[in-house]
Structures are given as structure tokens and as C-alpha cells.
Amino acid sequence: MKKIVFGVVLLMLANAGKAQINFVKEKDKNIEQMLVEAKSAKKVLFIDMYTTWCGPCKWMDEHTFIDARVATKFNKLFVSYKVDGDTSEGANVRNLYKVGSYPTYVFVSPEGKVLHRIEGAMPPEMFMEEADFVVKLAKKQLP
């Protein structure tokens, strides 16, 4: 019994500080539906364009997107959409927002206008700074 309790405690400690951005995936909604959701929520749409074969994309999933600070900030401030660039919906979004490399992050107004885009992997602190930049930018540009 002591071993089970010890194992549970170790697991809890290993997961401490980990959370996750509440992504909607392209298999569940398309870009048009996500823009409607962003407009309804009065939030900027955050799009994570990734592929299953992309090493930096996996790194972001394993390090930055599970950081509790990042998850809390993104879940509060954005509607988040995770799109595999190799799917048919991914091709649609890729063409719409001219994505040429992975990972690419696109911050879009509810009307569909690109506010900011980032390419490549980055640590949580830098990613949160980008989010803060987008929030300030959105306040200036959006009604």
C-alpha cells in the first residue's frame, strides 16, 4: 500500500505545474466555425499550425503548451485552434493564412484579419510575451 501511495505522490509531483491549452482540433470544427466562436467569445483566435512529423511542433506540445502559465493565459485570452497542416482542413487554413513552415502560430481577429504570426518553437516565457503583444495590439485594432 505504501508503494501505491508513494507512486501516486510521485506522479502528482511530476505533473505539478502542467496544464494544457484548451485547443479545438480541425477534426471537430473548421476555420469558419472557429471564427464564429471567437466572435461570440469576443476573443482573438489563436491558430497552432503543426504537422505530426514536425520536431519543433512536438517540442512545443511537450514543453510550452503544457506550461501552467501559458495554458492559463491562453485559455483566458484566446480561442485556440490546433490544425494539422497535412489534413484537408489544414490545407484550407494553410492556404488562407499563407503558412509555409511548421510550427506557425497565427493570431486572427474574429473577422479573420491576421493580427500577428510567429514561426518556430520558443520557451514558455517568450511565448507569453508574444501573447501579451497580441493582446495590446488587439486592443488598439479591435472595437
C-alpha atoms as a PDB file:
ATOM      1  CA  MET A   1       0.000   0.000   0.000  1.00  0.00           C
ATOM      2  CA  LYS A   2       2.860   2.373   0.807  1.00  0.00           C
ATOM      3  CA  LYS A   3       4.293   1.771  -2.677  1.00  0.00           C
ATOM      4  CA  ILE A   4       0.991   2.738  -4.319  1.00  0.00           C
ATOM      5  CA  VAL A   5       0.694   5.939  -2.266  1.00  0.00           C
ATOM      6  CA  PHE A   6       4.325   6.798  -2.997  1.00  0.00           C
ATOM      7  CA  GLY A   7       3.747   6.192  -6.733  1.00  0.00           C
ATOM      8  CA  VAL A   8       0.667   8.421  -6.767  1.00  0.00           C
ATOM      9  CA  VAL A   9       2.561  11.193  -4.974  1.00  0.00           C
ATOM     10  CA  LEU A  10       5.445  10.950  -7.463  1.00  0.00           C
ATOM     11  CA  LEU A  11       3.001  11.126 -10.363  1.00  0.00           C
ATOM     12  CA  MET A  12       1.315  14.176  -8.863  1.00  0.00           C
ATOM     13  CA  LEU A  13       4.672  15.908  -8.387  1.00  0.00           C
ATOM     14  CA  ALA A  14       5.719  15.088 -11.951  1.00  0.00           C
ATOM     15  CA  ASN A  15       2.541  16.700 -13.281  1.00  0.00           C
ATOM     16  CA  ALA A  16       2.635  19.714 -10.961  1.00  0.00           C
ATOM     17  CA  GLY A  17       2.681  22.939 -12.934  1.00  0.00           C
ATOM     18  CA  LYS A  18       1.463  21.207 -16.086  1.00  0.00           C
ATOM     19  CA  ALA A  19      -1.772  22.191 -17.698  1.00  0.00           C
ATOM     20  CA  GLN A  20      -2.851  22.411 -21.284  1.00  0.00           C
ATOM     21  CA  ILE A  21      -4.208  24.937 -23.721  1.00  0.00           C
ATOM     22  CA  ASN A  22      -7.836  24.070 -24.497  1.00  0.00           C
ATOM     23  CA  PHE A  23      -7.389  23.524 -28.221  1.00  0.00           C
ATOM     24  CA  VAL A  24     -10.252  22.773 -30.577  1.00  0.00           C
ATOM     25  CA  LYS A  25      -8.925  20.445 -33.290  1.00  0.00           C
ATOM     26  CA  GLU A  26      -9.597  20.676 -37.014  1.00  0.00           C
ATOM     27  CA  LYS A  27     -11.484  17.373 -36.973  1.00  0.00           C
ATOM     28  CA  ASP A  28     -14.053  18.955 -34.627  1.00  0.00           C
ATOM     29  CA  LYS A  29     -14.559  22.379 -36.258  1.00  0.00           C
ATOM     30  CA  ASN A  30     -13.493  24.204 -39.395  1.00  0.00           C
ATOM     31  CA  ILE A  31     -11.954  27.669 -39.603  1.00  0.00           C
ATOM     32  CA  GLU A  32     -15.289  29.362 -40.297  1.00  0.00           C
ATOM     33  CA  GLN A  33     -16.816  27.815 -37.170  1.00  0.00           C
ATOM     34  CA  MET A  34     -13.780  28.882 -35.126  1.00  0.00           C
ATOM     35  CA  LEU A  35     -14.096  32.478 -36.315  1.00  0.00           C
ATOM     36  CA  VAL A  36     -17.762  32.453 -35.257  1.00  0.00           C
ATOM     37  CA  GLU A  37     -16.713  31.073 -31.866  1.00  0.00           C
ATOM     38  CA  ALA A  38     -14.037  33.762 -31.466  1.00  0.00           C
ATOM     39  CA  LYS A  39     -16.528  36.478 -32.386  1.00  0.00           C
ATOM     40  CA  SER A  40     -19.077  35.112 -29.930  1.00  0.00           C
ATOM     41  CA  ALA A  41     -16.451  34.951 -27.161  1.00  0.00           C
ATOM     42  CA  LYS A  42     -15.076  38.400 -28.151  1.00  0.00           C
ATOM     43  CA  LYS A  43     -11.579  36.938 -28.254  1.00  0.00           C
ATOM     44  CA  VAL A  44      -8.725  36.646 -30.712  1.00  0.00           C
ATOM     45  CA  LEU A  45      -8.414  33.279 -32.459  1.00  0.00           C
ATOM     46  CA  PHE A  46      -5.041  31.594 -31.841  1.00  0.00           C
ATOM     47  CA  ILE A  47      -4.141  29.028 -34.522  1.00  0.00           C
ATOM     48  CA  ASP A  48      -1.392  26.456 -33.981  1.00  0.00           C
ATOM     49  CA  MET A  49      -0.415  25.104 -37.421  1.00  0.00           C
ATOM     50  CA  TYR A  50       1.583  21.913 -36.919  1.00  0.00           C
ATOM     51  CA  THR A  51       2.279  18.542 -38.501  1.00  0.00           C
ATOM     52  CA  THR A  52       2.769  15.132 -36.915  1.00  0.00           C
ATOM     53  CA  TRP A  53       6.297  14.864 -38.364  1.00  0.00           C
ATOM     54  CA  CYS A  54       7.497  18.286 -37.116  1.00  0.00           C
ATOM     55  CA  GLY A  55      10.066  18.064 -34.303  1.00  0.00           C
ATOM     56  CA  PRO A  56       9.689  21.680 -33.087  1.00  0.00           C
ATOM     57  CA  CYS A  57       5.884  21.196 -33.086  1.00  0.00           C
ATOM     58  CA  LYS A  58       6.270  18.206 -30.758  1.00  0.00           C
ATOM     59  CA  TRP A  59       8.667  20.188 -28.565  1.00  0.00           C
ATOM     60  CA  MET A  60       6.040  22.939 -28.156  1.00  0.00           C
ATOM     61  CA  ASP A  61       3.422  20.337 -27.172  1.00  0.00           C
ATOM     62  CA  GLU A  62       5.804  18.770 -24.625  1.00  0.00           C
ATOM     63  CA  HIS A  63       7.234  21.964 -23.123  1.00  0.00           C
ATOM     64  CA  THR A  64       5.451  25.224 -23.859  1.00  0.00           C
ATOM     65  CA  PHE A  65       1.792  24.317 -24.348  1.00  0.00           C
ATOM     66  CA  ILE A  66       1.699  22.295 -21.099  1.00  0.00           C
ATOM     67  CA  ASP A  67       3.243  25.061 -19.014  1.00  0.00           C
ATOM     68  CA  ALA A  68       0.574  26.090 -16.493  1.00  0.00           C
ATOM     69  CA  ARG A  69       1.278  29.805 -17.003  1.00  0.00           C
ATOM     70  CA  VAL A  70       0.921  29.519 -20.783  1.00  0.00           C
ATOM     71  CA  ALA A  71      -2.231  27.401 -20.537  1.00  0.00           C
ATOM     72  CA  THR A  72      -3.854  29.771 -18.060  1.00  0.00           C
ATOM     73  CA  LYS A  73      -3.079  32.836 -20.157  1.00  0.00           C
ATOM     74  CA  PHE A  74      -4.149  31.321 -23.484  1.00  0.00           C
ATOM     75  CA  ASN A  75      -7.323  29.749 -22.079  1.00  0.00           C
ATOM     76  CA  LYS A  76      -8.321  33.114 -20.628  1.00  0.00           C
ATOM     77  CA  LEU A  77      -7.410  35.377 -23.537  1.00  0.00           C
ATOM     78  CA  PHE A  78      -7.846  33.366 -26.745  1.00  0.00           C
ATOM     79  CA  VAL A  79      -9.980  30.828 -28.553  1.00  0.00           C
ATOM     80  CA  SER A  80      -7.383  28.220 -29.561  1.00  0.00           C
ATOM     81  CA  TYR A  81      -7.438  26.090 -32.703  1.00  0.00           C
ATOM     82  CA  LYS A  82      -4.920  23.285 -33.402  1.00  0.00           C
ATOM     83  CA  VAL A  83      -4.658  22.423 -37.091  1.00  0.00           C
ATOM     84  CA  ASP A  84      -2.602  19.648 -38.692  1.00  0.00           C
ATOM     85  CA  GLY A  85      -1.259  21.136 -41.916  1.00  0.00           C
ATOM     86  CA  ASP A  86      -1.407  17.713 -43.598  1.00  0.00           C
ATOM     87  CA  THR A  87      -5.221  17.379 -43.357  1.00  0.00           C
ATOM     88  CA  SER A  88      -7.765  18.804 -45.795  1.00  0.00           C
ATOM     89  CA  GLU A  89      -8.845  21.449 -43.256  1.00  0.00           C
ATOM     90  CA  GLY A  90      -5.159  22.086 -42.605  1.00  0.00           C
ATOM     91  CA  ALA A  91      -4.623  22.769 -46.314  1.00  0.00           C
ATOM     92  CA  ASN A  92      -7.552  25.191 -46.225  1.00  0.00           C
ATOM     93  CA  VAL A  93      -6.149  27.092 -43.226  1.00  0.00           C
ATOM     94  CA  ARG A  94      -2.584  26.868 -44.580  1.00  0.00           C
ATOM     95  CA  ASN A  95      -3.665  28.487 -47.864  1.00  0.00           C
ATOM     96  CA  LEU A  96      -5.914  31.054 -46.187  1.00  0.00           C
ATOM     97  CA  TYR A  97      -3.143  32.311 -43.879  1.00  0.00           C
ATOM     98  CA  LYS A  98      -0.175  31.561 -46.171  1.00  0.00           C
ATOM     99  CA  VAL A  99       1.577  29.130 -43.855  1.00  0.00           C
ATOM    100  CA  GLY A 100       4.817  27.827 -45.344  1.00  0.00           C
ATOM    101  CA  SER A 101       6.606  26.262 -42.371  1.00  0.00           C
ATOM    102  CA  TYR A 102       5.857  24.482 -39.130  1.00  0.00           C
ATOM    103  CA  PRO A 103       5.144  25.334 -36.460  1.00  0.00           C
ATOM    104  CA  THR A 104       3.419  28.574 -37.357  1.00  0.00           C
ATOM    105  CA  TYR A 105       1.171  30.421 -34.920  1.00  0.00           C
ATOM    106  CA  VAL A 106      -1.371  32.843 -36.309  1.00  0.00           C
ATOM    107  CA  PHE A 107      -3.378  35.245 -34.162  1.00  0.00           C
ATOM    108  CA  VAL A 108      -6.547  36.257 -36.014  1.00  0.00           C
ATOM    109  CA  SER A 109      -9.249  38.796 -35.261  1.00  0.00           C
ATOM    110  CA  PRO A 110     -12.806  37.409 -35.115  1.00  0.00           C
ATOM    111  CA  GLU A 111     -13.290  38.967 -38.567  1.00  0.00           C
ATOM    112  CA  GLY A 112     -10.451  36.844 -39.966  1.00  0.00           C
ATOM    113  CA  LYS A 113      -7.724  39.511 -40.158  1.00  0.00           C
ATOM    114  CA  VAL A 114      -4.209  38.373 -39.208  1.00  0.00           C
ATOM    115  CA  LEU A 115      -3.033  40.390 -36.216  1.00  0.00           C
ATOM    116  CA  HIS A 116       0.291  38.616 -35.646  1.00  0.00           C
ATOM    117  CA  ARG A 117       2.151  35.489 -36.712  1.00  0.00           C
ATOM    118  CA  ILE A 118       5.102  33.618 -35.256  1.00  0.00           C
ATOM    119  CA  GLU A 119       7.143  30.735 -36.630  1.00  0.00           C
ATOM    120  CA  GLY A 120       9.225  28.209 -34.744  1.00  0.00           C
ATOM    121  CA  ALA A 121       9.500  26.811 -31.246  1.00  0.00           C
ATOM    122  CA  MET A 122      10.024  29.011 -28.207  1.00  0.00           C
ATOM    123  CA  PRO A 123      10.118  28.638 -24.441  1.00  0.00           C
ATOM    124  CA  PRO A 124       7.071  29.479 -22.307  1.00  0.00           C
ATOM    125  CA  GLU A 125       8.303  32.912 -21.205  1.00  0.00           C
ATOM    126  CA  MET A 126       8.862  34.098 -24.765  1.00  0.00           C
ATOM    127  CA  PHE A 127       5.547  32.649 -25.914  1.00  0.00           C
ATOM    128  CA  MET A 128       3.700  34.516 -23.149  1.00  0.00           C
ATOM    129  CA  GLU A 129       5.413  37.755 -24.212  1.00  0.00           C
ATOM    130  CA  GLU A 130       4.070  37.187 -27.732  1.00  0.00           C
ATOM    131  CA  ALA A 131       0.583  36.678 -26.283  1.00  0.00           C
ATOM    132  CA  ASP A 132       0.862  39.943 -24.335  1.00  0.00           C
ATOM    133  CA  PHE A 133       1.931  41.717 -27.530  1.00  0.00           C
ATOM    134  CA  VAL A 134      -1.131  40.367 -29.367  1.00  0.00           C
ATOM    135  CA  VAL A 135      -3.486  41.455 -26.585  1.00  0.00           C
ATOM    136  CA  LYS A 136      -2.119  45.019 -26.710  1.00  0.00           C
ATOM    137  CA  LEU A 137      -2.302  45.018 -30.494  1.00  0.00           C
ATOM    138  CA  ALA A 138      -5.879  43.707 -30.467  1.00  0.00           C
ATOM    139  CA  LYS A 139      -6.972  46.435 -28.033  1.00  0.00           C
ATOM    140  CA  LYS A 140      -5.715  49.053 -30.481  1.00  0.00           C
ATOM    141  CA  GLN A 141      -7.207  47.444 -33.598  1.00  0.00           C
ATOM    142  CA  LEU A 142     -10.453  45.873 -32.466  1.00  0.00           C
ATOM    143  CA  PRO A 143     -13.605  47.767 -31.466  1.00  0.00           C
END
